[in-house]
Amino acid sequence: MFAQIVVPLSIGLCIFLTGMKVMELALHQWAGSFLTGLVERFTRTPLRGLLIGTGITAALQSSSAITVITIGLVNAGIMTFPKTLGIILGTNIGTCITTELIGLNLTKLAWPLLTVSGTVWLGTLAASGSARSFRLRRFLHHVRSLSLAVCGFAAVMLGVEVMQTIVPALQTRGLFGWFVEQAQRSVLWGVIAGAVLTAIIHSSAATIAMTMGLAAVEAIPVELGIAIVLGANVGTCVTALIAGIGGSRSGQFVAWSHIALNVGGALLFLPLLPLLHQASALLSANPSGQIAHAQTIFNIVCSLLALPICYLPALQRLGRES
């Protein structure tokens, strides 16, 4: 069991998380300061905040990072709590880009992407040392950052491919079969599993990627995979909760609004899980693609439903009083 399941899973997860972090840092280096400036300037209304939150999360590929940054800005007094509401809604939408890309089943392109982007990165790194023109150095900086981001994405795909190798071993284990059987009786098992795993590894994308890999080879049914996705959205709240500890009252409000959105959304969609499955099936016949689409539908619907609530005068007063 250790050699067939634990080792490949650990290696694949490490490669995946490393790729996510490399992609996040490269994109932040490329446009982080510019996007942070946008957040501070264009969040006067929840709708604007939602659009900015969606864009910056899609660009930096980390909803947790944006949430933590937002809590930090509020704790520092740079932003007020009401301005963060739209950003929190937008981060959930922007994070769907990763799962949608994974759902395209690009794992076969992982090595070619890694080779090409790595070569470009090394080339621009070598060329930047001899570049005298400021414009040329700036251009090389952009190319180097973007090529490093592609390296990170290729590592994400490679990690998914490694994690998929554990599926045959899982299928031969009675415990895994028992879990699938129990989860088919009550999808609550899947929600709990997704929440716990995400809370442990602090990455909903990694949890969802593993789930998509299992569904792709029909190790688990799609409906169970969608239940795990709902749980993953709940588990990702742990990062926001930790970031809010010891901060200002407004910073804690930001963390709890993030928790309310994800937990409330999961409770809302749990009875509607078959409908969510049907809706995602209309968009894709591929099991992993269906899970990715279900994640996107879930986050968009939850954010749009919560958007009018952000305009309530009580929340605006809450922000001023805190």
Protein backbone atom coordinates (compact mmCIF):
# COMPACT_ATOMS: atom_id res chain seq x y z
CA MET A 1 0.00 0.00 0.00
CA PHE A 2 2.80 2.44 0.92
CA ALA A 3 4.72 1.99 -2.34
CA GLN A 4 1.64 1.82 -4.58
CA ILE A 5 -0.48 4.59 -3.05
CA VAL A 6 1.25 6.78 -0.46
CA VAL A 7 4.52 7.38 -2.35
CA PRO A 8 2.99 8.23 -5.79
CA LEU A 9 0.28 10.35 -4.15
CA SER A 10 2.83 12.26 -2.06
CA ILE A 11 5.15 12.82 -5.03
CA GLY A 12 2.29 13.88 -7.31
CA LEU A 13 0.87 16.21 -4.67
CA CYS A 14 4.28 17.81 -4.07
CA ILE A 15 4.78 18.36 -7.81
CA PHE A 16 1.25 19.80 -8.09
CA LEU A 17 1.62 22.19 -5.14
CA THR A 18 5.09 23.24 -6.27
CA GLY A 19 3.73 24.00 -9.73
CA MET A 20 0.88 26.03 -8.23
CA LYS A 21 3.29 28.05 -6.10
CA VAL A 22 5.70 28.65 -8.99
CA MET A 23 2.81 29.76 -11.21
CA GLU A 24 1.45 32.02 -8.47
CA LEU A 25 4.84 33.65 -7.76
CA ALA A 26 5.66 34.11 -11.45
CA LEU A 27 2.33 35.74 -12.19
CA HIS A 28 2.65 37.90 -9.09
CA GLN A 29 6.11 38.99 -10.23
CA TRP A 30 4.72 39.78 -13.67
CA ALA A 31 1.69 41.84 -12.66
CA GLY A 32 1.21 41.60 -8.89
CA SER A 33 1.87 45.21 -7.89
CA PHE A 34 -0.31 46.53 -10.74
CA LEU A 35 -3.21 44.25 -9.81
CA THR A 36 -2.90 45.07 -6.10
CA GLY A 37 -3.16 48.75 -7.04
CA LEU A 38 -6.34 48.01 -8.97
CA VAL A 39 -7.84 46.30 -5.92
CA GLU A 40 -7.19 49.36 -3.77
CA ARG A 41 -8.60 51.85 -6.29
CA PHE A 42 -11.56 50.14 -7.95
CA THR A 43 -13.61 48.53 -5.19
CA ARG A 44 -16.12 51.28 -4.49
CA THR A 45 -19.10 48.95 -5.09
CA PRO A 46 -19.49 45.19 -4.52
CA LEU A 47 -20.00 44.65 -8.26
CA ARG A 48 -16.71 46.38 -9.08
CA GLY A 49 -15.06 44.40 -6.33
CA LEU A 50 -16.43 41.16 -7.79
CA LEU A 51 -15.02 41.99 -11.23
CA ILE A 52 -11.63 43.00 -9.83
CA GLY A 53 -11.54 39.97 -7.51
CA THR A 54 -12.32 37.66 -10.42
CA GLY A 55 -9.67 39.19 -12.65
CA ILE A 56 -6.88 39.32 -10.10
CA THR A 57 -7.53 35.76 -8.89
CA ALA A 58 -7.61 34.46 -12.47
CA ALA A 59 -4.31 36.26 -13.10
CA LEU A 60 -2.51 35.21 -9.91
CA GLN A 61 -4.12 31.75 -9.68
CA SER A 62 -4.65 31.73 -5.91
CA SER A 63 -7.93 32.62 -4.24
CA SER A 64 -6.39 31.94 -0.81
CA ALA A 65 -3.55 34.38 -1.51
CA ILE A 66 -5.98 37.13 -2.58
CA THR A 67 -8.15 36.51 0.49
CA VAL A 68 -5.12 36.71 2.80
CA ILE A 69 -3.89 39.88 1.05
CA THR A 70 -7.36 41.42 1.41
CA ILE A 71 -7.46 40.62 5.13
CA GLY A 72 -4.01 42.17 5.47
CA LEU A 73 -5.13 45.37 3.68
CA VAL A 74 -8.14 45.65 6.00
CA ASN A 75 -6.03 45.01 9.11
CA ALA A 76 -3.66 47.74 7.93
CA GLY A 77 -6.55 50.18 7.51
CA ILE A 78 -5.95 50.56 3.76
CA MET A 79 -9.37 49.09 2.90
CA THR A 80 -12.68 48.97 4.74
CA PHE A 81 -14.71 45.80 5.24
CA PRO A 82 -17.57 46.70 2.80
CA LYS A 83 -15.06 47.10 -0.04
CA THR A 84 -13.84 43.54 0.45
CA LEU A 85 -17.23 41.86 0.01
CA GLY A 86 -17.15 41.94 -3.79
CA ILE A 87 -13.52 40.82 -3.84
CA ILE A 88 -14.37 37.71 -1.79
CA LEU A 89 -17.14 36.84 -4.26
CA GLY A 90 -14.81 37.38 -7.20
CA THR A 91 -12.01 35.18 -5.83
CA ASN A 92 -14.32 32.16 -5.94
CA ILE A 93 -15.09 32.78 -9.61
CA GLY A 94 -11.50 33.52 -10.63
CA THR A 95 -10.15 30.33 -9.07
CA CYS A 96 -12.23 28.23 -11.49
CA ILE A 97 -9.71 28.92 -14.27
CA THR A 98 -7.30 26.34 -12.85
CA THR A 99 -9.85 23.53 -12.67
CA GLU A 100 -11.22 24.36 -16.12
CA LEU A 101 -7.71 24.10 -17.59
CA ILE A 102 -7.13 20.79 -15.81
CA GLY A 103 -10.49 19.61 -17.16
CA LEU A 104 -9.16 20.00 -20.71
CA ASN A 105 -7.00 16.88 -20.10
CA LEU A 106 -3.74 18.49 -21.14
CA THR A 107 -1.59 16.07 -19.14
CA LYS A 108 0.02 14.68 -22.32
CA LEU A 109 1.39 18.16 -23.01
CA ALA A 110 3.01 18.48 -19.57
CA TRP A 111 6.55 17.45 -20.59
CA PRO A 112 6.63 19.39 -23.89
CA LEU A 113 5.29 22.50 -22.12
CA LEU A 114 7.83 22.13 -19.33
CA THR A 115 10.70 21.65 -21.80
CA VAL A 116 9.79 24.58 -24.06
CA SER A 117 8.93 27.03 -21.27
CA GLY A 118 12.00 26.01 -19.27
CA THR A 119 14.21 26.63 -22.30
CA VAL A 120 12.64 30.05 -22.88
CA TRP A 121 13.10 30.94 -19.19
CA LEU A 122 16.77 29.97 -19.23
CA GLY A 123 17.30 31.84 -22.51
CA THR A 124 15.75 35.08 -21.24
CA LEU A 125 17.65 34.75 -17.95
CA ALA A 126 20.94 34.54 -19.83
CA ALA A 127 20.01 37.33 -22.24
CA SER A 128 18.90 39.77 -19.54
CA GLY A 129 22.44 39.98 -18.17
CA SER A 130 23.80 41.45 -21.41
CA ALA A 131 20.76 43.61 -22.29
CA ARG A 132 21.58 47.33 -22.11
CA SER A 133 18.29 48.83 -23.23
CA PHE A 134 15.68 49.36 -20.50
CA ARG A 135 12.87 48.41 -22.88
CA LEU A 136 14.64 45.18 -23.82
CA ARG A 137 15.22 44.31 -20.15
CA ARG A 138 11.56 45.03 -19.41
CA PHE A 139 10.46 42.84 -22.31
CA LEU A 140 12.74 40.01 -21.20
CA HIS A 141 11.35 40.34 -17.68
CA HIS A 142 7.79 39.85 -18.95
CA VAL A 143 8.75 36.89 -21.14
CA ARG A 144 10.74 35.30 -18.30
CA SER A 145 7.85 35.67 -15.82
CA LEU A 146 5.27 34.28 -18.24
CA SER A 147 7.49 31.36 -19.26
CA LEU A 148 8.02 30.52 -15.57
CA ALA A 149 4.24 30.62 -15.08
CA VAL A 150 3.87 28.12 -17.94
CA CYS A 151 6.52 25.94 -16.24
CA GLY A 152 4.39 26.00 -13.12
CA PHE A 153 1.27 25.03 -15.06
CA ALA A 154 3.15 22.18 -16.73
CA ALA A 155 4.20 20.96 -13.27
CA VAL A 156 0.55 21.08 -12.19
CA MET A 157 -0.38 18.86 -15.14
CA LEU A 158 2.52 16.53 -14.38
CA GLY A 159 1.42 16.26 -10.75
CA VAL A 160 -2.09 15.29 -11.85
CA GLU A 161 -0.65 12.60 -14.12
CA VAL A 162 1.45 11.15 -11.27
CA MET A 163 -1.52 11.17 -8.87
CA GLN A 164 -3.63 9.30 -11.42
CA THR A 165 -1.23 6.35 -11.22
CA ILE A 166 -2.60 5.39 -7.78
CA VAL A 167 -6.07 4.63 -9.15
CA PRO A 168 -5.49 0.91 -9.99
CA ALA A 169 -4.08 0.33 -6.50
CA LEU A 170 -7.02 2.15 -4.91
CA GLN A 171 -9.51 0.07 -6.86
CA THR A 172 -8.04 -3.15 -5.44
CA ARG A 173 -8.35 -1.93 -1.85
CA GLY A 174 -11.52 -2.87 -0.01
CA LEU A 175 -11.44 0.33 2.06
CA PHE A 176 -11.65 2.52 -1.04
CA GLY A 177 -14.50 0.45 -2.43
CA TRP A 178 -16.27 0.72 0.92
CA PHE A 179 -15.90 4.51 0.88
CA VAL A 180 -17.32 4.76 -2.64
CA GLU A 181 -20.21 2.50 -1.66
CA GLN A 182 -21.00 4.58 1.43
CA ALA A 183 -20.66 7.83 -0.50
CA GLN A 184 -23.17 6.62 -3.09
CA ARG A 185 -25.67 6.13 -0.26
CA SER A 186 -24.98 9.58 1.17
CA VAL A 187 -23.02 12.26 -0.70
CA LEU A 188 -22.27 13.82 2.67
CA TRP A 189 -19.30 11.43 2.84
CA GLY A 190 -17.85 13.09 -0.25
CA VAL A 191 -18.41 16.60 1.13
CA ILE A 192 -16.66 15.69 4.39
CA ALA A 193 -13.76 14.03 2.56
CA GLY A 194 -13.26 17.09 0.33
CA ALA A 195 -13.41 19.50 3.26
CA VAL A 196 -10.96 17.53 5.45
CA LEU A 197 -8.42 16.92 2.68
CA THR A 198 -8.47 20.57 1.57
CA ALA A 199 -8.11 21.78 5.16
CA ILE A 200 -5.03 19.56 5.56
CA ILE A 201 -3.21 20.46 2.34
CA HIS A 202 -4.54 24.07 2.07
CA SER A 203 -5.33 23.72 -1.63
CA SER A 204 -8.82 23.19 -3.01
CA ALA A 205 -7.32 23.02 -6.52
CA ALA A 206 -5.20 20.00 -5.54
CA THR A 207 -8.19 18.23 -3.98
CA ILE A 208 -10.34 18.89 -7.03
CA ALA A 209 -7.51 17.81 -9.37
CA MET A 210 -7.20 14.46 -7.57
CA THR A 211 -10.98 14.05 -7.74
CA MET A 212 -11.00 14.79 -11.47
CA GLY A 213 -8.23 12.24 -11.97
CA LEU A 214 -10.25 9.56 -10.18
CA ALA A 215 -13.39 10.42 -12.13
CA ALA A 216 -11.49 10.41 -15.45
CA VAL A 217 -10.69 6.71 -15.05
CA GLU A 218 -14.15 5.97 -13.61
CA ALA A 219 -12.79 5.10 -10.15
CA ILE A 220 -15.52 7.26 -8.63
CA PRO A 221 -18.86 8.43 -10.04
CA VAL A 222 -19.11 12.05 -11.19
CA GLU A 223 -21.80 12.89 -8.63
CA LEU A 224 -19.47 11.83 -5.81
CA GLY A 225 -16.73 13.92 -7.39
CA ILE A 226 -19.01 16.97 -7.38
CA ALA A 227 -19.79 16.35 -3.70
CA ILE A 228 -16.04 16.35 -2.98
CA VAL A 229 -15.81 19.68 -4.86
CA LEU A 230 -18.45 21.17 -2.56
CA GLY A 231 -16.43 19.95 0.41
CA ALA A 232 -13.22 21.37 -1.03
CA ASN A 233 -14.81 24.81 -1.16
CA VAL A 234 -15.67 24.48 2.52
CA GLY A 235 -12.17 23.23 3.43
CA THR A 236 -10.48 26.18 1.75
CA CYS A 237 -12.03 28.45 4.40
CA VAL A 238 -9.43 27.24 6.91
CA THR A 239 -6.76 29.46 5.31
CA ALA A 240 -8.96 32.55 5.66
CA LEU A 241 -9.83 31.61 9.24
CA ILE A 242 -6.15 31.30 10.17
CA ALA A 243 -5.34 34.62 8.45
CA GLY A 244 -8.07 36.36 10.46
CA ILE A 245 -6.79 35.20 13.85
CA GLY A 246 -5.29 38.02 15.87
CA GLY A 247 -6.29 40.66 13.32
CA SER A 248 -8.67 43.58 13.58
CA ARG A 249 -12.41 43.14 13.90
CA SER A 250 -12.85 44.15 10.25
CA GLY A 251 -10.22 41.63 9.16
CA GLN A 252 -12.12 38.90 11.01
CA PHE A 253 -15.32 40.02 9.27
CA VAL A 254 -13.57 39.43 5.92
CA ALA A 255 -12.59 35.91 6.96
CA TRP A 256 -16.07 35.08 8.20
CA SER A 257 -17.72 36.46 5.06
CA HIS A 258 -15.53 34.08 3.03
CA ILE A 259 -16.59 31.20 5.28
CA ALA A 260 -20.28 32.17 5.07
CA LEU A 261 -20.14 32.25 1.26
CA ASN A 262 -18.56 28.81 0.86
CA VAL A 263 -20.38 26.99 3.65
CA GLY A 264 -23.71 28.58 2.72
CA GLY A 265 -23.16 27.69 -0.94
CA ALA A 266 -22.37 24.07 -0.09
CA LEU A 267 -25.52 23.77 2.05
CA LEU A 268 -27.58 25.34 -0.75
CA PHE A 269 -26.27 23.02 -3.47
CA LEU A 270 -26.15 19.79 -1.49
CA PRO A 271 -29.85 18.98 -2.09
CA LEU A 272 -29.47 20.17 -5.71
CA LEU A 273 -26.43 18.00 -6.45
CA PRO A 274 -28.21 15.84 -9.09
CA LEU A 275 -29.28 19.02 -10.93
CA LEU A 276 -25.72 20.35 -10.76
CA HIS A 277 -24.53 17.06 -12.24
CA GLN A 278 -27.07 17.26 -15.06
CA ALA A 279 -26.13 20.86 -15.84
CA SER A 280 -22.41 20.02 -16.02
CA ALA A 281 -23.16 16.95 -18.16
CA LEU A 282 -24.80 19.22 -20.74
CA LEU A 283 -21.51 21.08 -21.11
CA SER A 284 -19.17 18.09 -21.32
CA ALA A 285 -19.28 14.31 -21.78
CA ASN A 286 -15.88 13.96 -20.11
CA PRO A 287 -16.15 13.06 -16.37
CA SER A 288 -13.27 15.30 -15.33
CA GLY A 289 -14.67 18.10 -17.48
CA GLN A 290 -18.06 17.71 -15.80
CA ILE A 291 -16.48 18.13 -12.37
CA ALA A 292 -14.62 21.25 -13.55
CA HIS A 293 -17.83 22.72 -14.98
CA ALA A 294 -19.73 21.87 -11.78
CA GLN A 295 -17.10 23.80 -9.79
CA THR A 296 -17.50 26.79 -12.12
CA ILE A 297 -21.32 26.73 -12.02
CA PHE A 298 -21.27 26.40 -8.22
CA ASN A 299 -18.95 29.35 -7.68
CA ILE A 300 -20.61 31.66 -10.21
CA VAL A 301 -24.14 30.99 -8.94
CA CYS A 302 -23.13 31.37 -5.28
CA SER A 303 -21.33 34.66 -5.94
CA LEU A 304 -24.18 36.11 -8.02
CA LEU A 305 -26.75 35.10 -5.40
CA ALA A 306 -24.68 36.68 -2.64
CA LEU A 307 -23.95 39.90 -4.57
CA PRO A 308 -27.25 41.70 -3.72
CA ILE A 309 -26.70 40.94 -0.02
CA CYS A 310 -23.46 42.92 -0.15
CA TYR A 311 -25.48 46.08 -0.84
CA LEU A 312 -27.50 45.78 2.39
CA PRO A 313 -27.18 48.92 4.55
CA ALA A 314 -26.59 46.73 7.62
CA LEU A 315 -23.33 45.42 6.14
CA GLN A 316 -22.24 48.93 5.21
CA ARG A 317 -22.89 50.10 8.79
CA LEU A 318 -21.09 47.05 10.12
CA GLY A 319 -18.03 48.05 8.17
CA ARG A 320 -18.11 51.63 9.45
CA GLU A 321 -18.69 50.62 13.06
CA SER A 322 -15.80 48.14 13.03
